[in-house]
C-alpha atoms as a PDB file:
ATOM      1  CA  UNK A   1     131.621 114.066 103.418  1.00  0.00           C
ATOM      2  CA  UNK A   2     129.398 110.954 103.727  1.00  0.00           C
ATOM      3  CA  UNK A   3     126.126 110.651 103.053  1.00  0.00           C
ATOM      4  CA  UNK A   4     124.950 111.450 106.792  1.00  0.00           C
ATOM      5  CA  UNK A   5     127.490 114.586 106.284  1.00  0.00           C
ATOM      6  CA  UNK A   6     125.396 115.549 103.307  1.00  0.00           C
ATOM      7  CA  UNK A   7     122.196 115.339 104.222  1.00  0.00           C
ATOM      8  CA  UNK A   8     122.592 117.444 107.420  1.00  0.00           C
ATOM      9  CA  UNK A   9     124.251 120.046 105.347  1.00  0.00           C
ATOM     10  CA  UNK A  10     121.043 120.151 103.213  1.00  0.00           C
ATOM     11  CA  UNK A  11     118.538 120.478 105.666  1.00  0.00           C
ATOM     12  CA  UNK A  12     120.880 123.413 107.473  1.00  0.00           C
ATOM     13  CA  UNK A  13     120.803 124.877 104.004  1.00  0.00           C
ATOM     14  CA  UNK A  14     116.635 124.818 103.671  1.00  0.00           C
ATOM     15  CA  UNK A  15     115.492 127.310 105.760  1.00  0.00           C
ATOM     16  CA  UNK A  16     117.816 129.934 103.856  1.00  0.00           C
ATOM     17  CA  UNK A  17     116.954 128.396 100.498  1.00  0.00           C
ATOM     18  CA  UNK A  18     113.176 129.035 101.534  1.00  0.00           C
ATOM     19  CA  UNK A  19     113.443 132.274 102.999  1.00  0.00           C
ATOM     20  CA  UNK A  20     115.844 132.759  99.615  1.00  0.00           C
ATOM     21  CA  UNK A  21     112.544 131.903  97.009  1.00  0.00           C
ATOM     22  CA  UNK A  22     110.519 134.380  99.483  1.00  0.00           C
ATOM     23  CA  UNK A  23     111.941 137.595  98.676  1.00  0.00           C
ATOM     24  CA  UNK A  24     111.892 136.476  95.291  1.00  0.00           C
ATOM     25  CA  UNK A  25     108.450 137.156  94.577  1.00  0.00           C
ATOM     26  CA  UNK A  26     106.712 140.224  94.279  1.00  0.00           C
ATOM     27  CA  UNK A  27     106.615 143.027  96.926  1.00  0.00           C
ATOM     28  CA  UNK A  28     102.732 143.076  96.876  1.00  0.00           C
ATOM     29  CA  UNK A  29     101.794 139.422  98.550  1.00  0.00           C
ATOM     30  CA  UNK A  30     104.827 139.184 100.782  1.00  0.00           C
ATOM     31  CA  UNK A  31     103.147 135.551 102.923  1.00  0.00           C
ATOM     32  CA  UNK A  32     102.302 134.327  99.288  1.00  0.00           C
ATOM     33  CA  UNK A  33     102.447 130.340  99.033  1.00  0.00           C
ATOM     34  CA  UNK A  34     105.865 129.637  97.103  1.00  0.00           C
ATOM     35  CA  UNK A  35     104.721 127.782  93.136  1.00  0.00           C
ATOM     36  CA  UNK A  36     103.122 124.133  93.656  1.00  0.00           C
ATOM     37  CA  UNK A  37     106.163 122.232  92.687  1.00  0.00           C
ATOM     38  CA  UNK A  38     102.475 119.994  90.968  1.00  0.00           C
ATOM     39  CA  UNK A  39     103.241 121.979  87.429  1.00  0.00           C
ATOM     40  CA  UNK A  40     106.696 120.902  87.416  1.00  0.00           C
ATOM     41  CA  UNK A  41     105.539 117.191  87.103  1.00  0.00           C
ATOM     42  CA  UNK A  42     102.101 117.360  85.297  1.00  0.00           C
ATOM     43  CA  UNK A  43     103.827 114.859  82.758  1.00  0.00           C
ATOM     44  CA  UNK A  44     103.726 111.815  85.092  1.00  0.00           C
ATOM     45  CA  UNK A  45      99.418 113.352  85.522  1.00  0.00           C
ATOM     46  CA  UNK A  46      99.815 112.827  81.771  1.00  0.00           C
ATOM     47  CA  UNK A  47     101.023 109.429  81.510  1.00  0.00           C
ATOM     48  CA  UNK A  48      98.567 105.811  82.187  1.00  0.00           C
ATOM     49  CA  UNK A  49     100.615 103.157  82.771  1.00  0.00           C
ATOM     50  CA  UNK A  50      97.653 100.472  83.667  1.00  0.00           C
ATOM     51  CA  UNK A  51      97.128 102.018  79.878  1.00  0.00           C
ATOM     52  CA  UNK A  52     100.561 100.460  78.439  1.00  0.00           C
ATOM     53  CA  UNK A  53     100.293  96.906  77.462  1.00  0.00           C
ATOM     54  CA  UNK A  54     103.712  95.332  76.261  1.00  0.00           C
ATOM     55  CA  UNK A  55     103.646  93.844  73.012  1.00  0.00           C
ATOM     56  CA  UNK A  56     102.094  89.709  73.614  1.00  0.00           C
ATOM     57  CA  UNK A  57     100.721  90.312  77.052  1.00  0.00           C
ATOM     58  CA  UNK A  58      97.293  90.149  78.028  1.00  0.00           C
ATOM     59  CA  UNK A  59      96.475  92.593  80.617  1.00  0.00           C
ATOM     60  CA  UNK A  60      92.660  93.358  82.468  1.00  0.00           C
ATOM     61  CA  UNK A  61      92.602  96.904  81.857  1.00  0.00           C
ATOM     62  CA  UNK A  62      88.657  97.094  83.408  1.00  0.00           C
ATOM     63  CA  UNK A  63      85.459  95.033  84.767  1.00  0.00           C
ATOM     64  CA  UNK A  64      81.858  95.363  84.860  1.00  0.00           C
ATOM     65  CA  UNK A  65      79.452  93.033  86.596  1.00  0.00           C
ATOM     66  CA  UNK A  66      78.886  91.927  83.170  1.00  0.00           C
ATOM     67  CA  UNK A  67      82.592  90.969  81.812  1.00  0.00           C
ATOM     68  CA  UNK A  68      86.308  92.508  80.959  1.00  0.00           C
ATOM     69  CA  UNK A  69      88.417  94.735  79.695  1.00  0.00           C
ATOM     70  CA  UNK A  70      91.572  93.145  78.208  1.00  0.00           C
ATOM     71  CA  UNK A  71      94.065  95.111  76.529  1.00  0.00           C
ATOM     72  CA  UNK A  72      91.746  97.951  75.760  1.00  0.00           C
ATOM     73  CA  UNK A  73      88.762  95.296  73.849  1.00  0.00           C
ATOM     74  CA  UNK A  74      84.460  94.835  76.169  1.00  0.00           C
ATOM     75  CA  UNK A  75      84.559  90.992  76.838  1.00  0.00           C
ATOM     76  CA  UNK A  76      80.997  89.895  78.167  1.00  0.00           C
ATOM     77  CA  UNK A  77      80.610  86.848  80.433  1.00  0.00           C
ATOM     78  CA  UNK A  78      83.142  84.706  81.831  1.00  0.00           C
ATOM     79  CA  UNK A  79      86.811  84.247  80.399  1.00  0.00           C
ATOM     80  CA  UNK A  80      89.716  81.845  80.859  1.00  0.00           C
ATOM     81  CA  UNK A  81      93.383  83.430  80.454  1.00  0.00           C
ATOM     82  CA  UNK A  82      96.445  80.982  79.820  1.00  0.00           C
ATOM     83  CA  UNK A  83      99.120  82.807  78.167  1.00  0.00           C
ATOM     84  CA  UNK A  84      98.430  84.805  75.033  1.00  0.00           C
ATOM     85  CA  UNK A  85      94.851  82.301  74.954  1.00  0.00           C
ATOM     86  CA  UNK A  86      91.225  84.511  76.001  1.00  0.00           C
ATOM     87  CA  UNK A  87      88.635  82.449  75.513  1.00  0.00           C
ATOM     88  CA  UNK A  88      84.663  82.930  76.839  1.00  0.00           C
ATOM     89  CA  UNK A  89      84.537  80.601  79.272  1.00  0.00           C
ATOM     90  CA  UNK A  90      81.196  78.868  79.585  1.00  0.00           C
ATOM     91  CA  UNK A  91      80.006  78.573  83.793  1.00  0.00           C
ATOM     92  CA  UNK A  92      78.085  81.290  84.689  1.00  0.00           C
ATOM     93  CA  UNK A  93      77.867  81.231  88.354  1.00  0.00           C
ATOM     94  CA  UNK A  94      81.005  79.563  91.212  1.00  0.00           C
ATOM     95  CA  UNK A  95      78.753  75.921  91.272  1.00  0.00           C
ATOM     96  CA  UNK A  96      79.197  75.599  87.633  1.00  0.00           C
ATOM     97  CA  UNK A  97      83.179  75.451  88.074  1.00  0.00           C
ATOM     98  CA  UNK A  98      83.998  72.355  88.099  1.00  0.00           C
ATOM     99  CA  UNK A  99      87.420  69.401  86.089  1.00  0.00           C
ATOM    100  CA  UNK A 100      84.633  69.528  82.441  1.00  0.00           C
ATOM    101  CA  UNK A 101      85.515  73.178  82.774  1.00  0.00           C
ATOM    102  CA  UNK A 102      88.541  73.157  83.570  1.00  0.00           C
ATOM    103  CA  UNK A 103      89.873  70.379  81.726  1.00  0.00           C
ATOM    104  CA  UNK A 104      91.505  72.704  79.540  1.00  0.00           C
ATOM    105  CA  UNK A 105      94.684  72.893  81.691  1.00  0.00           C
ATOM    106  CA  UNK A 106      94.645  69.168  81.540  1.00  0.00           C
ATOM    107  CA  UNK A 107      96.527  68.872  78.234  1.00  0.00           C
ATOM    108  CA  UNK A 108      98.307  72.375  78.527  1.00  0.00           C
ATOM    109  CA  UNK A 109     102.056  73.117  78.395  1.00  0.00           C
ATOM    110  CA  UNK A 110     104.373  74.746  79.775  1.00  0.00           C
ATOM    111  CA  UNK A 111     101.728  74.083  82.828  1.00  0.00           C
ATOM    112  CA  UNK A 112     101.172  77.166  85.010  1.00  0.00           C
ATOM    113  CA  UNK A 113     102.539  78.049  88.447  1.00  0.00           C
ATOM    114  CA  UNK A 114      99.730  79.193  89.661  1.00  0.00           C
ATOM    115  CA  UNK A 115      95.811  79.596  88.569  1.00  0.00           C
ATOM    116  CA  UNK A 116      93.469  82.484  89.678  1.00  0.00           C
ATOM    117  CA  UNK A 117      89.949  81.516  90.125  1.00  0.00           C
ATOM    118  CA  UNK A 118      87.764  84.865  90.113  1.00  0.00           C
ATOM    119  CA  UNK A 119      84.335  83.114  92.083  1.00  0.00           C
ATOM    120  CA  UNK A 120      82.194  87.113  90.802  1.00  0.00           C
ATOM    121  CA  UNK A 121      81.875  89.793  93.723  1.00  0.00           C
ATOM    122  CA  UNK A 122      82.801  87.431  96.259  1.00  0.00           C
ATOM    123  CA  UNK A 123      85.314  84.534  98.023  1.00  0.00           C
ATOM    124  CA  UNK A 124      83.363  81.248  97.539  1.00  0.00           C
ATOM    125  CA  UNK A 125      84.731  77.971  99.336  1.00  0.00           C
ATOM    126  CA  UNK A 126      86.045  75.733  96.620  1.00  0.00           C
ATOM    127  CA  UNK A 127      85.172  72.511  97.030  1.00  0.00           C
ATOM    128  CA  UNK A 128      87.789  70.048  97.540  1.00  0.00           C
ATOM    129  CA  UNK A 129      87.619  67.219  94.740  1.00  0.00           C
ATOM    130  CA  UNK A 130      88.252  71.043  92.356  1.00  0.00           C
ATOM    131  CA  UNK A 131      91.042  71.691  94.760  1.00  0.00           C
ATOM    132  CA  UNK A 132      92.643  68.091  94.071  1.00  0.00           C
ATOM    133  CA  UNK A 133      92.232  68.321  90.432  1.00  0.00           C
ATOM    134  CA  UNK A 134      93.748  71.454  89.938  1.00  0.00           C
ATOM    135  CA  UNK A 135      96.853  70.380  92.110  1.00  0.00           C
ATOM    136  CA  UNK A 136      96.765  67.036  90.207  1.00  0.00           C
ATOM    137  CA  UNK A 137      97.477  69.247  87.188  1.00  0.00           C
ATOM    138  CA  UNK A 138     100.669  70.409  88.919  1.00  0.00           C
ATOM    139  CA  UNK A 139      99.463  74.164  89.399  1.00  0.00           C
ATOM    140  CA  UNK A 140      98.101  76.080  92.920  1.00  0.00           C
ATOM    141  CA  UNK A 141      94.969  77.073  93.316  1.00  0.00           C
ATOM    142  CA  UNK A 142      93.709  81.066  94.279  1.00  0.00           C
ATOM    143  CA  UNK A 143      90.692  81.851  94.339  1.00  0.00           C
ATOM    144  CA  UNK A 144      89.300  85.778  94.969  1.00  0.00           C
ATOM    145  CA  UNK A 145      86.918  88.098  94.109  1.00  0.00           C
ATOM    146  CA  UNK A 146      87.302  89.026  90.651  1.00  0.00           C
ATOM    147  CA  UNK A 147      87.752  92.200  90.148  1.00  0.00           C
ATOM    148  CA  UNK A 148      91.119  91.464  93.112  1.00  0.00           C
ATOM    149  CA  UNK A 149      91.742  88.110  90.090  1.00  0.00           C
ATOM    150  CA  UNK A 150      92.404  90.980  86.967  1.00  0.00           C
ATOM    151  CA  UNK A 151      95.046  92.673  89.693  1.00  0.00           C
ATOM    152  CA  UNK A 152      96.700  89.920  90.678  1.00  0.00           C
ATOM    153  CA  UNK A 153      97.363  88.300  87.225  1.00  0.00           C
ATOM    154  CA  UNK A 154      98.186  91.670  85.828  1.00  0.00           C
ATOM    155  CA  UNK A 155     101.156  91.440  88.827  1.00  0.00           C
ATOM    156  CA  UNK A 156     101.789  87.791  88.407  1.00  0.00           C
ATOM    157  CA  UNK A 157     102.448  87.994  84.519  1.00  0.00           C
ATOM    158  CA  UNK A 158     104.477  91.748  85.089  1.00  0.00           C
ATOM    159  CA  UNK A 159     105.924  89.600  86.579  1.00  0.00           C
ATOM    160  CA  UNK A 160     107.157  86.934  83.972  1.00  0.00           C
ATOM    161  CA  UNK A 161     105.604  84.143  85.861  1.00  0.00           C
ATOM    162  CA  UNK A 162     103.449  82.094  84.256  1.00  0.00           C
ATOM    163  CA  UNK A 163      99.358  82.217  85.465  1.00  0.00           C
ATOM    164  CA  UNK A 164      96.732  81.750  84.597  1.00  0.00           C
ATOM    165  CA  UNK A 165      92.980  82.797  85.000  1.00  0.00           C
ATOM    166  CA  UNK A 166      90.237  82.078  85.122  1.00  0.00           C
ATOM    167  CA  UNK A 167      86.922  84.121  85.990  1.00  0.00           C
ATOM    168  CA  UNK A 168      83.465  84.831  86.175  1.00  0.00           C
ATOM    169  CA  UNK A 169      81.899  88.342  85.990  1.00  0.00           C
ATOM    170  CA  UNK A 170      82.154  91.026  88.783  1.00  0.00           C
ATOM    171  CA  UNK A 171      78.517  90.705  89.337  1.00  0.00           C
ATOM    172  CA  UNK A 172      78.242  87.458  89.771  1.00  0.00           C
ATOM    173  CA  UNK A 173      77.428  86.799  93.563  1.00  0.00           C
ATOM    174  CA  UNK A 174      76.247  82.794  93.958  1.00  0.00           C
END
């Protein structure tokens, strides 16, 4: 029997299956709904995949207006992350991000595929001089708000891509 035929056969048997289940319910409540399947999957409610960090990988697990939680440790202020390196970063507002603040990427090897720039609460336009500097290192640039920057970093890092992130806290607005 082909896959489509099996599906059709199962679909025709479903009303019979439901009727049989209803007959098995206690007779005092004939119109009582079927038992919830949620209890059968309650184990999934107890598993939080976001909190599971693979060995040797940095992972953002939260953020506040003043900092970030990485691998269950709360960090205040701006962060610069590459590979297994996590360091505080000097810019406190978007206008302070320049070639000097990103000078680490002149010497770091292997060169990350992409630099995720967390601009704070809102996306900010990157000045051409800074964009040229980042491109001259061999990286691509993604400038987005810091909340989404942290998520994007996690996804790309989990995929095994060589990625870097420079993030201002989510509360920064200029």
